[in-house]
Amino acid sequence: MDWQFEHHALMDLLFAIKAQRVKGVIHTNQGWLAVNLTAVDASFNSCAESFDSRLEIISVDNIDWSALEQALLAIRSNPTHC
């Protein structure tokens, strides 16, 4: 399944996650993006195409995973192509 996510909406969503670390490789409507966020640092880099998008979140706090999933699904740039 080749989903793409709206780049700017994804940035807003990732920065809103309250976690010690957010890391991943995500296909956006502006290309593939390598993400690495911590409380004190953020890096976003273009990267080679991957098999699929992946996001890893490390948090000591509870995260509403269902709400996060729904938020990610809502920012797909091609939701009819699934």
Protein backbone atom coordinates (compact mmCIF):
# COMPACT_ATOMS: atom_id res chain seq x y z
CA MET A 1 0.00 0.00 0.00
CA ASP A 2 1.65 3.21 -1.16
CA TRP A 3 0.18 6.01 0.94
CA GLN A 4 1.46 9.54 0.79
CA PHE A 5 0.92 12.09 3.53
CA GLU A 6 0.46 15.85 3.21
CA HIS A 7 3.92 17.21 4.05
CA HIS A 8 2.96 20.33 6.02
CA ALA A 9 0.13 18.62 7.90
CA LEU A 10 2.54 15.81 8.80
CA MET A 11 5.04 18.32 10.22
CA ASP A 12 2.31 19.84 12.40
CA LEU A 13 1.24 16.41 13.60
CA LEU A 14 4.76 15.18 14.38
CA PHE A 15 5.65 18.30 16.38
CA ALA A 16 2.40 17.92 18.37
CA ILE A 17 3.29 14.41 19.60
CA LYS A 18 4.39 14.50 23.24
CA ALA A 19 7.17 11.90 23.27
CA GLN A 20 10.84 11.49 24.09
CA ARG A 21 11.54 10.41 20.52
CA VAL A 22 9.78 10.23 17.19
CA LYS A 23 11.66 8.57 14.36
CA GLY A 24 10.67 7.33 10.95
CA VAL A 25 10.71 7.27 7.19
CA ILE A 26 7.55 8.65 5.65
CA HIS A 27 6.33 9.11 2.08
CA THR A 28 4.96 12.63 1.68
CA ASN A 29 3.52 14.47 -1.29
CA GLN A 30 6.94 16.19 -1.47
CA GLY A 31 8.99 12.97 -1.50
CA TRP A 32 10.41 10.58 1.06
CA LEU A 33 11.34 12.07 4.43
CA ALA A 34 13.60 10.74 7.20
CA VAL A 35 12.39 12.07 10.58
CA ASN A 36 14.23 12.15 13.91
CA LEU A 37 12.71 14.24 16.72
CA THR A 38 13.67 14.51 20.37
CA ALA A 39 12.85 17.07 23.06
CA VAL A 40 16.01 19.03 22.18
CA ASP A 41 16.65 18.29 18.50
CA ALA A 42 14.82 17.80 15.23
CA SER A 43 16.10 16.60 11.88
CA PHE A 44 14.20 16.12 8.66
CA ASN A 45 16.05 14.94 5.57
CA SER A 46 15.10 13.79 2.12
CA CYS A 47 15.87 10.10 1.73
CA ALA A 48 15.73 7.28 -0.76
CA GLU A 49 12.42 5.61 -1.49
CA SER A 50 11.47 2.95 1.03
CA PHE A 51 9.17 -0.06 0.83
CA ASP A 52 6.66 1.68 3.09
CA SER A 53 6.29 4.49 5.61
CA ARG A 54 7.26 3.75 9.21
CA LEU A 55 6.99 5.77 12.39
CA GLU A 56 8.44 4.82 15.79
CA ILE A 57 7.44 6.69 18.95
CA ILE A 58 9.09 6.34 22.35
CA SER A 59 7.15 7.91 25.20
CA VAL A 60 6.93 7.47 28.97
CA ASP A 61 3.47 9.07 28.85
CA ASN A 62 0.30 7.45 27.59
CA ILE A 63 -0.47 8.17 23.95
CA ASP A 64 -3.93 7.92 22.45
CA TRP A 65 -2.88 5.58 19.65
CA SER A 66 -6.33 5.49 18.10
CA ALA A 67 -6.44 9.29 17.85
CA LEU A 68 -2.92 9.34 16.37
CA GLU A 69 -3.90 6.72 13.80
CA GLN A 70 -7.01 8.69 12.85
CA ALA A 71 -4.94 11.89 12.55
CA LEU A 72 -2.47 10.15 10.23
CA LEU A 73 -5.26 8.69 8.12
CA ALA A 74 -6.83 12.14 7.83
CA ILE A 75 -3.68 13.65 6.28
CA ARG A 76 -3.15 11.10 3.54
CA SER A 77 -2.79 12.98 0.27
CA ASN A 78 -4.25 10.13 -1.79
CA PRO A 79 -6.81 8.36 0.44
CA THR A 80 -8.73 6.93 -2.52
CA HIS A 81 -5.61 5.10 -3.78
CA CYS A 82 -5.41 2.46 -1.02
